Amino acid sequence: MLSVERMLLDGTLFTLVMSALLLISFLVNPRIWLQDYPPVLKEMAPPLTTVEKRQRMVFTVPFLLGFLLIPFLASRAYLAWAGESATFFSLYLHVFVILNLFNLFDAVAIDWFFLGVLHPRFALIPEAWGRKDLLLDVHKGVRDWLKGIVFCTVFALIISGAALLVRGV
């Protein structure tokens, strides 16, 4: 049994938490996201320092944990709510939508609007300051969003399978 309301609620909560982590990381040091910048900007920027690599790890671990744990907990709540009517497909679709709501928000609200249009200096590497043209690259944005869909497809399978395994135990 599918519930659009549950998917939207869980997806919104997931998006809020993950976006807060991103915003905090921008405030600490936007260079930790250097690998996500367009190639031209990556080439202009100096390599990450040892401190920056450590900072990236400090944010990568909670980001990945949140990316796995929050949808897993949402899937467990969905299974409790749906009971025996829950199928693997309905659970998978629930998790897939949760993950992709964040993927879409990241592509449109964070990457395009926040970083590209608003262009806040605190959230950008110095090489990107004033280079809206490079940050508003629609082709890169769509490619990244499509890669995110593939990533979410795989992780939705893993998370859904894990939730069903735990339920069966």
Protein backbone atom coordinates (compact mmCIF):
# COMPACT_ATOMS: atom_id res chain seq x y z
CA MET A 1 0.00 0.00 0.00
CA LEU A 2 1.50 3.30 -1.07
CA SER A 3 1.03 6.61 0.69
CA VAL A 4 2.05 9.73 -1.19
CA GLU A 5 1.68 11.72 2.04
CA ARG A 6 4.15 9.46 3.88
CA MET A 7 6.62 9.61 1.00
CA LEU A 8 6.43 13.39 0.88
CA LEU A 9 6.72 13.75 4.66
CA ASP A 10 9.65 11.35 4.93
CA GLY A 11 11.29 12.90 1.87
CA THR A 12 10.88 16.40 3.26
CA LEU A 13 12.40 15.44 6.61
CA PHE A 14 15.26 13.67 4.85
CA THR A 15 15.84 16.68 2.59
CA LEU A 16 15.85 19.09 5.54
CA VAL A 17 18.45 17.08 7.47
CA MET A 18 20.72 16.50 4.48
CA SER A 19 20.44 20.13 3.35
CA ALA A 20 21.32 21.33 6.84
CA LEU A 21 24.46 19.16 6.74
CA LEU A 22 25.37 20.67 3.37
CA LEU A 23 24.80 24.22 4.59
CA ILE A 24 26.94 23.63 7.69
CA SER A 25 29.71 22.18 5.52
CA PHE A 26 29.55 25.26 3.26
CA LEU A 27 29.93 27.45 6.32
CA VAL A 28 32.92 25.44 7.57
CA ASN A 29 34.75 25.20 4.23
CA PRO A 30 33.15 25.03 0.77
CA ARG A 31 36.40 23.65 -0.66
CA ILE A 32 35.56 20.23 0.77
CA TRP A 33 33.09 19.93 -2.14
CA LEU A 34 35.81 20.73 -4.72
CA GLN A 35 35.24 17.39 -6.51
CA ASP A 36 31.66 18.48 -7.37
CA TYR A 37 32.63 21.70 -9.15
CA PRO A 38 32.83 21.99 -12.94
CA PRO A 39 36.18 20.78 -14.35
CA VAL A 40 37.28 24.32 -15.29
CA LEU A 41 36.95 25.49 -11.70
CA LYS A 42 38.60 22.34 -10.30
CA GLU A 43 41.62 23.00 -12.53
CA MET A 44 41.86 26.61 -11.34
CA ALA A 45 41.72 25.66 -7.65
CA PRO A 46 44.70 24.40 -5.66
CA PRO A 47 44.47 20.81 -4.41
CA LEU A 48 42.87 20.17 -1.04
CA THR A 49 45.20 20.57 1.91
CA THR A 50 45.57 17.90 4.58
CA VAL A 51 43.27 19.89 6.87
CA GLU A 52 40.66 20.20 4.11
CA LYS A 53 40.82 16.47 3.40
CA ARG A 54 40.19 15.86 7.10
CA GLN A 55 37.29 18.32 7.07
CA ARG A 56 35.83 16.54 4.05
CA MET A 57 35.97 13.25 5.93
CA VAL A 58 34.36 14.84 8.99
CA PHE A 59 31.35 15.75 6.84
CA THR A 60 31.38 12.72 4.54
CA VAL A 61 30.85 10.23 7.37
CA PRO A 62 27.70 11.85 8.85
CA PHE A 63 26.44 12.64 5.35
CA LEU A 64 26.69 8.99 4.28
CA LEU A 65 25.29 7.77 7.59
CA GLY A 66 22.34 10.14 7.21
CA PHE A 67 21.90 9.09 3.59
CA LEU A 68 21.57 5.46 4.67
CA LEU A 69 20.09 5.67 8.15
CA ILE A 70 17.26 8.17 7.65
CA PRO A 71 15.69 6.32 4.67
CA PHE A 72 16.23 3.02 6.50
CA LEU A 73 14.34 4.32 9.54
CA ALA A 74 11.66 5.74 7.25
CA SER A 75 11.37 2.35 5.56
CA ARG A 76 10.99 0.64 8.94
CA ALA A 77 8.23 3.12 9.85
CA TYR A 78 6.58 2.49 6.48
CA LEU A 79 6.65 -1.27 7.07
CA ALA A 80 5.09 -0.82 10.52
CA TRP A 81 2.42 1.43 9.04
CA ALA A 82 1.62 -0.74 6.00
CA GLY A 83 1.81 -4.04 7.86
CA GLU A 84 1.37 -7.20 5.83
CA SER A 85 0.15 -5.25 2.79
CA ALA A 86 3.68 -3.90 2.24
CA THR A 87 5.42 -5.44 -0.73
CA PHE A 88 9.03 -5.13 -1.75
CA PHE A 89 7.96 -2.92 -4.66
CA SER A 90 5.93 -0.55 -2.45
CA LEU A 91 8.78 -0.30 0.04
CA TYR A 92 11.32 0.21 -2.74
CA LEU A 93 9.18 2.93 -4.30
CA HIS A 94 8.81 4.63 -0.91
CA VAL A 95 12.58 4.72 -0.37
CA PHE A 96 13.27 5.63 -4.01
CA VAL A 97 10.98 8.67 -3.77
CA ILE A 98 12.50 9.77 -0.45
CA LEU A 99 16.02 9.65 -1.87
CA ASN A 100 15.05 11.32 -5.13
CA LEU A 101 13.23 14.18 -3.44
CA PHE A 102 16.56 15.15 -1.94
CA ASN A 103 18.32 14.52 -5.26
CA LEU A 104 15.92 16.89 -7.02
CA PHE A 105 16.13 19.50 -4.23
CA ASP A 106 19.93 19.31 -4.35
CA ALA A 107 19.98 19.80 -8.13
CA VAL A 108 17.44 22.62 -8.34
CA ALA A 109 17.40 24.44 -5.00
CA ILE A 110 20.98 24.00 -3.82
CA ASP A 111 23.15 23.65 -6.93
CA TRP A 112 21.23 25.78 -9.40
CA PHE A 113 19.37 28.37 -7.31
CA PHE A 114 21.45 28.72 -4.13
CA LEU A 115 24.96 28.32 -5.56
CA GLY A 116 24.32 29.43 -9.13
CA VAL A 117 21.71 32.19 -8.91
CA LEU A 118 22.13 33.54 -5.37
CA HIS A 119 25.88 32.86 -5.54
CA PRO A 120 26.72 33.38 -1.83
CA ARG A 121 30.46 33.86 -1.37
CA PHE A 122 30.53 31.91 1.90
CA ALA A 123 29.35 28.77 0.11
CA LEU A 124 31.68 28.91 -2.89
CA ILE A 125 35.35 28.28 -3.51
CA PRO A 126 37.16 31.55 -4.29
CA GLU A 127 37.73 30.49 -7.90
CA ALA A 128 33.93 30.41 -8.41
CA TRP A 129 33.28 33.93 -7.12
CA GLY A 130 31.67 35.91 -9.90
CA ARG A 131 31.63 32.88 -12.25
CA LYS A 132 27.88 32.27 -12.33
CA ASP A 133 28.25 31.18 -15.95
CA LEU A 134 30.19 28.10 -14.85
CA LEU A 135 27.88 27.28 -11.94
CA LEU A 136 24.73 27.63 -14.05
CA ASP A 137 25.83 24.97 -16.54
CA VAL A 138 22.50 23.24 -17.23
CA HIS A 139 24.14 20.26 -18.95
CA LYS A 140 26.32 19.51 -15.92
CA GLY A 141 23.35 19.99 -13.61
CA VAL A 142 21.18 17.57 -15.56
CA ARG A 143 24.02 15.03 -15.81
CA ASP A 144 24.61 15.24 -12.05
CA TRP A 145 20.87 14.89 -11.38
CA LEU A 146 20.66 11.82 -13.65
CA LYS A 147 23.69 10.29 -11.93
CA GLY A 148 21.87 10.94 -8.67
CA ILE A 149 18.85 9.01 -9.93
CA VAL A 150 21.06 6.01 -10.70
CA PHE A 151 22.71 6.33 -7.29
CA CYS A 152 19.29 6.56 -5.59
CA THR A 153 18.03 3.55 -7.56
CA VAL A 154 20.84 1.37 -6.25
CA PHE A 155 20.67 2.64 -2.68
CA ALA A 156 16.88 2.30 -2.60
CA LEU A 157 17.34 -1.39 -3.46
CA ILE A 158 19.94 -1.84 -0.71
CA ILE A 159 17.96 0.04 1.94
CA SER A 160 14.68 -1.69 1.05
CA GLY A 161 16.31 -5.10 1.13
CA ALA A 162 17.94 -4.36 4.48
CA ALA A 163 14.64 -3.18 5.96
CA LEU A 164 12.87 -6.34 4.81
CA LEU A 165 15.69 -8.51 6.16
CA VAL A 166 15.48 -6.82 9.55
CA ARG A 167 11.69 -7.20 9.55
CA GLY A 168 12.07 -10.91 8.84
CA VAL A 169 14.44 -11.42 11.78
